Amino acid sequence: MSRLLRHLLLLAAPLFIGGCATLSDSPHQQLELHAVLDYQEVAGVGCVLSNDKGRWFVVLPGRVTVTRSTQALVVSCQKDGMGRAEESIGARADTSSLMGNVVFSAGLGHLVDRHSGAGFSYPAHMTVLMQPVKPRQDVAAAQRIDSPVF
């Protein structure tokens, strides 16, 4: 009987660890980013991406590899004289690993994945919407007060 039980456990082992993203998925994820200003893609935009696991730099359009986390990924971009953007992209739980964790490990695997961030991911393709930067003359004119000083 114990020999049969060992064989069954050996055959079932891939099912148990298949749901655990900590064991089956990489802690890293590759993202592709693009920047858009006034309905046109902009090249040469410098961006800093950050979450609680680190900071990464990329020039758009481009690809970057980040470390997965349960926390949002903050994307801050700028191109001198053109525009800037700041966005926060939330992480989503991978449903395949979530179901495996709940069914096979009674939720323990989900707690481990939630702590490490391995069971979560960001959208693989992102488009950053940039806002135009006002020229310095326009900013100075808007801040000028036209009243006499006594």
N, C-alpha and C. Protein backbone atom coordinates (compact mmCIF):
# COMPACT_ATOMS: atom_id res chain seq x y z
N MET A 1 0.82 -1.20 0.00
CA MET A 1 0.00 0.00 0.00
C MET A 1 0.86 1.26 0.00
N SER A 2 1.93 1.27 0.77
CA SER A 2 2.78 2.46 0.82
C SER A 2 3.47 2.68 -0.52
N ARG A 3 3.76 1.62 -1.25
CA ARG A 3 4.38 1.77 -2.56
C ARG A 3 3.40 2.43 -3.55
N LEU A 4 2.16 2.05 -3.50
CA LEU A 4 1.13 2.64 -4.34
C LEU A 4 0.94 4.12 -3.98
N LEU A 5 0.93 4.40 -2.71
CA LEU A 5 0.79 5.79 -2.25
C LEU A 5 1.96 6.65 -2.72
N ARG A 6 3.18 6.11 -2.67
CA ARG A 6 4.35 6.85 -3.15
C ARG A 6 4.23 7.16 -4.64
N HIS A 7 3.79 6.19 -5.41
CA HIS A 7 3.65 6.40 -6.85
C HIS A 7 2.57 7.45 -7.15
N LEU A 8 1.48 7.40 -6.41
CA LEU A 8 0.43 8.40 -6.61
C LEU A 8 0.92 9.80 -6.25
N LEU A 9 1.66 9.91 -5.16
CA LEU A 9 2.21 11.21 -4.78
C LEU A 9 3.21 11.71 -5.81
N LEU A 10 4.02 10.81 -6.35
CA LEU A 10 4.99 11.18 -7.37
C LEU A 10 4.30 11.67 -8.63
N LEU A 11 3.21 11.01 -9.01
CA LEU A 11 2.45 11.43 -10.19
C LEU A 11 1.70 12.73 -9.95
N ALA A 12 1.27 12.98 -8.73
CA ALA A 12 0.51 14.18 -8.41
C ALA A 12 1.39 15.39 -8.10
N ALA A 13 2.67 15.20 -7.89
CA ALA A 13 3.57 16.30 -7.52
C ALA A 13 3.54 17.46 -8.51
N PRO A 14 3.57 17.21 -9.84
CA PRO A 14 3.52 18.35 -10.76
C PRO A 14 2.24 19.18 -10.62
N LEU A 15 1.14 18.54 -10.25
CA LEU A 15 -0.09 19.29 -10.05
C LEU A 15 0.01 20.23 -8.85
N PHE A 16 0.67 19.76 -7.80
CA PHE A 16 0.80 20.57 -6.60
C PHE A 16 1.68 21.79 -6.83
N ILE A 17 2.82 21.60 -7.49
CA ILE A 17 3.73 22.74 -7.69
C ILE A 17 3.38 23.53 -8.94
N GLY A 18 2.51 23.03 -9.79
CA GLY A 18 2.09 23.76 -10.98
C GLY A 18 1.35 25.03 -10.65
N GLY A 19 0.67 25.06 -9.51
CA GLY A 19 -0.07 26.25 -9.12
C GLY A 19 0.76 27.25 -8.37
N CYS A 20 1.93 26.88 -7.95
CA CYS A 20 2.76 27.77 -7.13
C CYS A 20 3.69 28.56 -8.04
N ALA A 21 3.40 29.83 -8.21
CA ALA A 21 4.21 30.68 -9.09
C ALA A 21 5.62 30.86 -8.56
N THR A 22 5.79 30.77 -7.25
CA THR A 22 7.12 30.91 -6.66
C THR A 22 8.07 29.86 -7.22
N LEU A 23 7.56 28.67 -7.45
CA LEU A 23 8.40 27.59 -7.95
C LEU A 23 8.41 27.50 -9.47
N SER A 24 7.34 27.92 -10.13
CA SER A 24 7.23 27.70 -11.56
C SER A 24 7.48 28.94 -12.42
N ASP A 25 7.33 30.14 -11.89
CA ASP A 25 7.51 31.37 -12.67
C ASP A 25 8.78 32.10 -12.29
N SER A 26 9.25 32.91 -13.23
CA SER A 26 10.41 33.76 -12.97
C SER A 26 9.96 34.96 -12.14
N PRO A 27 10.81 35.49 -11.28
CA PRO A 27 10.44 36.70 -10.54
C PRO A 27 10.56 37.95 -11.40
N HIS A 28 11.02 37.79 -12.65
CA HIS A 28 11.21 38.92 -13.55
C HIS A 28 10.18 38.89 -14.68
N GLN A 29 9.90 40.06 -15.24
CA GLN A 29 8.97 40.18 -16.35
C GLN A 29 9.48 41.22 -17.33
N GLN A 30 9.38 40.90 -18.62
CA GLN A 30 9.80 41.85 -19.65
C GLN A 30 8.58 42.66 -20.10
N LEU A 31 8.77 43.98 -20.19
CA LEU A 31 7.71 44.89 -20.59
C LEU A 31 8.13 45.64 -21.85
N GLU A 32 7.16 45.97 -22.69
CA GLU A 32 7.41 46.80 -23.87
C GLU A 32 6.63 48.09 -23.68
N LEU A 33 7.33 49.22 -23.81
CA LEU A 33 6.71 50.52 -23.57
C LEU A 33 6.82 51.43 -24.78
N HIS A 34 5.77 52.24 -24.96
CA HIS A 34 5.72 53.25 -26.02
C HIS A 34 5.19 54.55 -25.41
N ALA A 35 5.56 55.67 -26.01
CA ALA A 35 5.09 56.98 -25.54
C ALA A 35 4.31 57.66 -26.65
N VAL A 36 3.20 58.31 -26.28
CA VAL A 36 2.35 59.00 -27.24
C VAL A 36 2.13 60.43 -26.76
N LEU A 37 2.30 61.38 -27.69
CA LEU A 37 2.04 62.80 -27.41
C LEU A 37 1.25 63.35 -28.59
N ASP A 38 0.10 63.93 -28.32
CA ASP A 38 -0.78 64.48 -29.36
C ASP A 38 -1.07 63.45 -30.45
N TYR A 39 -1.43 62.24 -30.05
CA TYR A 39 -1.84 61.15 -30.93
C TYR A 39 -0.74 60.63 -31.84
N GLN A 40 0.51 60.91 -31.50
CA GLN A 40 1.64 60.40 -32.30
C GLN A 40 2.67 59.80 -31.36
N GLU A 41 3.28 58.70 -31.82
CA GLU A 41 4.32 58.07 -31.01
C GLU A 41 5.56 58.95 -31.00
N VAL A 42 6.18 59.04 -29.84
CA VAL A 42 7.38 59.86 -29.65
C VAL A 42 8.55 58.93 -29.32
N ALA A 43 9.67 59.16 -29.99
CA ALA A 43 10.88 58.36 -29.73
C ALA A 43 11.85 59.16 -28.87
N GLY A 44 12.73 58.46 -28.19
CA GLY A 44 13.77 59.11 -27.40
C GLY A 44 13.31 59.62 -26.05
N VAL A 45 12.22 59.07 -25.54
CA VAL A 45 11.69 59.49 -24.24
C VAL A 45 12.37 58.67 -23.15
N GLY A 46 12.94 59.33 -22.16
CA GLY A 46 13.58 58.64 -21.04
C GLY A 46 12.58 58.35 -19.95
N CYS A 47 12.56 57.11 -19.47
CA CYS A 47 11.61 56.73 -18.42
C CYS A 47 12.30 56.00 -17.28
N VAL A 48 11.82 56.25 -16.08
CA VAL A 48 12.25 55.52 -14.90
C VAL A 48 11.03 54.75 -14.40
N LEU A 49 11.19 53.44 -14.22
CA LEU A 49 10.14 52.58 -13.69
C LEU A 49 10.56 52.15 -12.29
N SER A 50 9.62 52.13 -11.36
CA SER A 50 9.99 51.74 -9.99
C SER A 50 8.82 51.06 -9.29
N ASN A 51 9.17 50.13 -8.41
CA ASN A 51 8.23 49.51 -7.48
C ASN A 51 9.02 49.21 -6.21
N ASP A 52 8.46 48.45 -5.31
CA ASP A 52 9.16 48.18 -4.04
C ASP A 52 10.34 47.24 -4.21
N LYS A 53 10.53 46.66 -5.40
CA LYS A 53 11.63 45.72 -5.65
C LYS A 53 12.82 46.38 -6.36
N GLY A 54 12.65 47.60 -6.89
CA GLY A 54 13.78 48.27 -7.54
C GLY A 54 13.38 49.38 -8.48
N ARG A 55 14.40 49.89 -9.23
CA ARG A 55 14.22 50.97 -10.22
C ARG A 55 14.91 50.56 -11.50
N TRP A 56 14.29 50.92 -12.64
CA TRP A 56 14.84 50.57 -13.95
C TRP A 56 14.69 51.76 -14.88
N PHE A 57 15.64 51.91 -15.81
CA PHE A 57 15.63 53.00 -16.78
C PHE A 57 15.51 52.42 -18.17
N VAL A 58 14.72 53.08 -19.03
CA VAL A 58 14.56 52.65 -20.42
C VAL A 58 14.29 53.88 -21.28
N VAL A 59 14.75 53.83 -22.53
CA VAL A 59 14.45 54.87 -23.52
C VAL A 59 13.37 54.31 -24.42
N LEU A 60 12.27 55.07 -24.56
CA LEU A 60 11.13 54.60 -25.34
C LEU A 60 11.23 55.02 -26.81
N PRO A 61 10.69 54.22 -27.72
CA PRO A 61 10.10 52.92 -27.47
C PRO A 61 11.19 51.91 -27.11
N GLY A 62 10.85 51.02 -26.20
CA GLY A 62 11.85 50.05 -25.77
C GLY A 62 11.29 48.99 -24.86
N ARG A 63 12.18 48.07 -24.50
CA ARG A 63 11.84 46.97 -23.60
C ARG A 63 12.72 47.04 -22.36
N VAL A 64 12.14 46.59 -21.25
CA VAL A 64 12.87 46.58 -20.00
C VAL A 64 12.39 45.37 -19.19
N THR A 65 13.29 44.80 -18.41
CA THR A 65 12.94 43.69 -17.54
C THR A 65 12.87 44.20 -16.11
N VAL A 66 11.70 44.00 -15.48
CA VAL A 66 11.48 44.45 -14.11
C VAL A 66 11.25 43.24 -13.20
N THR A 67 11.35 43.46 -11.91
CA THR A 67 11.06 42.42 -10.94
C THR A 67 9.59 42.52 -10.55
N ARG A 68 8.90 41.39 -10.59
CA ARG A 68 7.47 41.35 -10.26
C ARG A 68 7.25 41.73 -8.81
N SER A 69 6.07 42.29 -8.54
CA SER A 69 5.72 42.71 -7.20
C SER A 69 4.20 42.80 -7.09
N THR A 70 3.71 42.82 -5.88
CA THR A 70 2.28 43.06 -5.66
C THR A 70 1.97 44.55 -5.71
N GLN A 71 3.00 45.38 -5.59
CA GLN A 71 2.83 46.83 -5.58
C GLN A 71 2.73 47.37 -7.01
N ALA A 72 2.17 48.55 -7.15
CA ALA A 72 2.04 49.20 -8.45
C ALA A 72 3.41 49.57 -9.00
N LEU A 73 3.50 49.60 -10.32
CA LEU A 73 4.70 50.02 -11.02
C LEU A 73 4.51 51.48 -11.41
N VAL A 74 5.36 52.36 -10.91
CA VAL A 74 5.27 53.79 -11.21
C VAL A 74 6.19 54.07 -12.39
N VAL A 75 5.62 54.68 -13.44
CA VAL A 75 6.35 55.00 -14.66
C VAL A 75 6.41 56.52 -14.77
N SER A 76 7.63 57.06 -14.77
CA SER A 76 7.84 58.50 -14.87
C SER A 76 8.70 58.77 -16.10
N CYS A 77 8.17 59.53 -17.07
CA CYS A 77 8.86 59.75 -18.34
C CYS A 77 8.99 61.25 -18.64
N GLN A 78 10.03 61.57 -19.43
CA GLN A 78 10.23 62.96 -19.82
C GLN A 78 11.09 63.03 -21.07
N LYS A 79 10.78 64.00 -21.92
CA LYS A 79 11.64 64.35 -23.05
C LYS A 79 11.72 65.86 -23.06
N ASP A 80 12.95 66.38 -22.95
CA ASP A 80 13.16 67.83 -22.85
C ASP A 80 12.48 68.58 -23.99
N GLY A 81 11.74 69.61 -23.61
CA GLY A 81 11.10 70.47 -24.58
C GLY A 81 9.83 69.90 -25.18
N MET A 82 9.51 68.66 -24.92
CA MET A 82 8.33 68.05 -25.54
C MET A 82 7.22 67.76 -24.54
N GLY A 83 7.54 66.92 -23.54
CA GLY A 83 6.47 66.55 -22.62
C GLY A 83 6.96 65.65 -21.51
N ARG A 84 6.03 65.34 -20.63
CA ARG A 84 6.33 64.46 -19.50
C ARG A 84 5.08 63.67 -19.16
N ALA A 85 5.30 62.58 -18.42
CA ALA A 85 4.18 61.72 -18.01
C ALA A 85 4.54 61.02 -16.72
N GLU A 86 3.51 60.72 -15.95
CA GLU A 86 3.68 59.91 -14.75
C GLU A 86 2.43 59.05 -14.60
N GLU A 87 2.63 57.75 -14.57
CA GLU A 87 1.52 56.81 -14.46
C GLU A 87 1.85 55.74 -13.43
N SER A 88 0.81 55.17 -12.88
CA SER A 88 0.94 54.07 -11.94
C SER A 88 0.13 52.89 -12.47
N ILE A 89 0.80 51.76 -12.67
CA ILE A 89 0.16 50.58 -13.24
C ILE A 89 0.11 49.51 -12.16
N GLY A 90 -1.09 49.06 -11.83
CA GLY A 90 -1.26 48.06 -10.79
C GLY A 90 -0.88 46.67 -11.26
N ALA A 91 -0.45 45.83 -10.32
CA ALA A 91 -0.13 44.44 -10.61
C ALA A 91 -1.39 43.60 -10.47
N ARG A 92 -1.49 42.58 -11.31
CA ARG A 92 -2.64 41.68 -11.27
C ARG A 92 -2.18 40.29 -10.90
N ALA A 93 -3.01 39.59 -10.16
CA ALA A 93 -2.71 38.20 -9.80
C ALA A 93 -2.92 37.32 -11.03
N ASP A 94 -1.98 36.41 -11.28
CA ASP A 94 -2.12 35.45 -12.36
C ASP A 94 -3.18 34.43 -11.95
N THR A 95 -4.25 34.32 -12.71
CA THR A 95 -5.36 33.45 -12.32
C THR A 95 -4.98 31.98 -12.33
N SER A 96 -4.10 31.56 -13.22
CA SER A 96 -3.72 30.14 -13.25
C SER A 96 -2.99 29.73 -11.98
N SER A 97 -2.05 30.55 -11.54
CA SER A 97 -1.33 30.21 -10.31
C SER A 97 -2.22 30.39 -9.09
N LEU A 98 -3.14 31.36 -9.15
CA LEU A 98 -4.04 31.59 -8.03
C LEU A 98 -4.94 30.38 -7.81
N MET A 99 -5.52 29.84 -8.87
CA MET A 99 -6.40 28.67 -8.75
C MET A 99 -5.62 27.46 -8.24
N GLY A 100 -4.43 27.26 -8.77
CA GLY A 100 -3.61 26.14 -8.32
C GLY A 100 -3.25 26.27 -6.85
N ASN A 101 -2.95 27.49 -6.44
CA ASN A 101 -2.59 27.71 -5.03
C ASN A 101 -3.78 27.45 -4.10
N VAL A 102 -4.94 27.91 -4.49
CA VAL A 102 -6.12 27.75 -3.63
C VAL A 102 -6.54 26.28 -3.57
N VAL A 103 -6.56 25.61 -4.72
CA VAL A 103 -7.04 24.23 -4.77
C VAL A 103 -6.04 23.26 -4.14
N PHE A 104 -4.77 23.36 -4.53
CA PHE A 104 -3.82 22.33 -4.14
C PHE A 104 -3.07 22.61 -2.84
N SER A 105 -2.89 23.87 -2.49
CA SER A 105 -2.11 24.13 -1.28
C SER A 105 -2.94 24.82 -0.20
N ALA A 106 -4.24 24.83 -0.37
CA ALA A 106 -5.15 25.42 0.61
C ALA A 106 -4.82 26.89 0.89
N GLY A 107 -4.33 27.58 -0.11
CA GLY A 107 -4.04 29.01 0.03
C GLY A 107 -2.66 29.34 0.52
N LEU A 108 -1.89 28.36 0.99
CA LEU A 108 -0.55 28.63 1.50
C LEU A 108 0.37 29.14 0.39
N GLY A 109 0.27 28.53 -0.80
CA GLY A 109 1.09 28.97 -1.94
C GLY A 109 0.77 30.39 -2.34
N HIS A 110 -0.50 30.79 -2.23
CA HIS A 110 -0.88 32.16 -2.58
C HIS A 110 -0.24 33.15 -1.61
N LEU A 111 -0.17 32.80 -0.34
CA LEU A 111 0.48 33.69 0.63
C LEU A 111 1.96 33.86 0.32
N VAL A 112 2.62 32.77 -0.08
CA VAL A 112 4.04 32.84 -0.45
C VAL A 112 4.21 33.69 -1.70
N ASP A 113 3.36 33.46 -2.72
CA ASP A 113 3.44 34.23 -3.96
C ASP A 113 3.13 35.70 -3.72
N ARG A 114 2.21 35.98 -2.83
CA ARG A 114 1.85 37.37 -2.53
C ARG A 114 3.01 38.09 -1.86
N HIS A 115 3.72 37.39 -1.00
CA HIS A 115 4.88 37.98 -0.32
C HIS A 115 6.03 38.23 -1.30
N SER A 116 6.29 37.28 -2.20
CA SER A 116 7.41 37.41 -3.12
C SER A 116 7.06 38.20 -4.38
N GLY A 117 5.76 38.28 -4.73
CA GLY A 117 5.35 38.97 -5.94
C GLY A 117 5.37 38.09 -7.17
N ALA A 118 5.80 36.82 -7.04
CA ALA A 118 5.95 35.93 -8.19
C ALA A 118 4.62 35.61 -8.84
N GLY A 119 3.53 35.59 -8.12
CA GLY A 119 2.23 35.26 -8.69
C GLY A 119 1.50 36.46 -9.28
N PHE A 120 2.20 37.57 -9.46
CA PHE A 120 1.59 38.80 -9.97
C PHE A 120 2.35 39.28 -11.20
N SER A 121 1.67 40.04 -12.07
CA SER A 121 2.36 40.56 -13.25
C SER A 121 1.74 41.89 -13.67
N TYR A 122 2.49 42.61 -14.49
CA TYR A 122 2.05 43.87 -15.06
C TYR A 122 1.66 43.61 -16.51
N PRO A 123 0.90 44.53 -17.14
CA PRO A 123 0.61 44.36 -18.57
C PRO A 123 1.92 44.30 -19.36
N ALA A 124 2.01 43.38 -20.31
CA ALA A 124 3.25 43.20 -21.08
C ALA A 124 3.51 44.35 -22.04
N HIS A 125 2.47 45.03 -22.50
CA HIS A 125 2.60 46.16 -23.42
C HIS A 125 1.93 47.38 -22.79
N MET A 126 2.69 48.48 -22.68
CA MET A 126 2.17 49.70 -22.06
C MET A 126 2.39 50.89 -22.98
N THR A 127 1.41 51.79 -22.98
CA THR A 127 1.53 53.05 -23.71
C THR A 127 1.40 54.19 -22.71
N VAL A 128 2.41 55.02 -22.65
CA VAL A 128 2.45 56.15 -21.72
C VAL A 128 1.93 57.37 -22.46
N LEU A 129 0.93 58.05 -21.89
CA LEU A 129 0.37 59.26 -22.50
C LEU A 129 1.07 60.48 -21.92
N MET A 130 1.79 61.18 -22.78
CA MET A 130 2.57 62.33 -22.33
C MET A 130 1.76 63.61 -22.44
N GLN A 131 2.05 64.54 -21.54
CA GLN A 131 1.43 65.86 -21.55
C GLN A 131 2.47 66.86 -22.06
N PRO A 132 2.07 67.76 -22.95
CA PRO A 132 3.05 68.72 -23.49
C PRO A 132 3.57 69.66 -22.40
N VAL A 133 4.83 70.02 -22.54
CA VAL A 133 5.46 70.96 -21.62
C VAL A 133 5.31 72.36 -22.22
N LYS A 134 4.89 73.31 -21.38
CA LYS A 134 4.75 74.69 -21.85
C LYS A 134 6.13 75.32 -22.00
N PRO A 135 6.35 76.10 -23.07
CA PRO A 135 7.61 76.82 -23.20
C PRO A 135 7.80 77.79 -22.03
N ARG A 136 9.05 78.09 -21.70
CA ARG A 136 9.35 78.95 -20.54
C ARG A 136 8.73 80.33 -20.66
N GLN A 137 8.63 80.87 -21.89
CA GLN A 137 8.03 82.20 -22.07
C GLN A 137 6.56 82.18 -21.65
N ASP A 138 5.84 81.09 -22.00
CA ASP A 138 4.43 80.99 -21.64
C ASP A 138 4.25 80.88 -20.13
N VAL A 139 5.13 80.13 -19.47
CA VAL A 139 5.05 79.98 -18.02
C VAL A 139 5.34 81.32 -17.35
N ALA A 140 6.36 82.04 -17.82
CA ALA A 140 6.70 83.35 -17.24
C ALA A 140 5.56 84.35 -17.45
N ALA A 141 4.95 84.33 -18.63
CA ALA A 141 3.84 85.25 -18.90
C ALA A 141 2.64 84.93 -18.02
N ALA A 142 2.38 83.66 -17.77
CA ALA A 142 1.24 83.28 -16.94
C ALA A 142 1.46 83.65 -15.47
N GLN A 143 2.71 83.69 -15.02
CA GLN A 143 3.00 84.00 -13.63
C GLN A 143 3.17 85.50 -13.38
N ARG A 144 3.31 86.28 -14.43
CA ARG A 144 3.52 87.73 -14.29
C ARG A 144 2.24 88.39 -13.82
N ILE A 145 2.37 89.31 -12.88
CA ILE A 145 1.23 90.06 -12.36
C ILE A 145 1.34 91.49 -12.89
N ASP A 146 0.31 91.89 -13.60
CA ASP A 146 0.31 93.23 -14.18
C ASP A 146 -0.42 94.21 -13.25
N SER A 147 0.26 94.59 -12.17
CA SER A 147 -0.31 95.59 -11.28
C SER A 147 0.85 96.47 -10.81
N PRO A 148 0.55 97.71 -10.60
CA PRO A 148 1.62 98.63 -10.18
C PRO A 148 2.07 98.31 -8.75
N VAL A 149 3.33 98.56 -8.51
CA VAL A 149 3.90 98.35 -7.19
C VAL A 149 4.13 99.73 -6.58
N PHE A 150 3.67 99.94 -5.36
CA PHE A 150 3.81 101.24 -4.70
C PHE A 150 4.89 101.21 -3.68
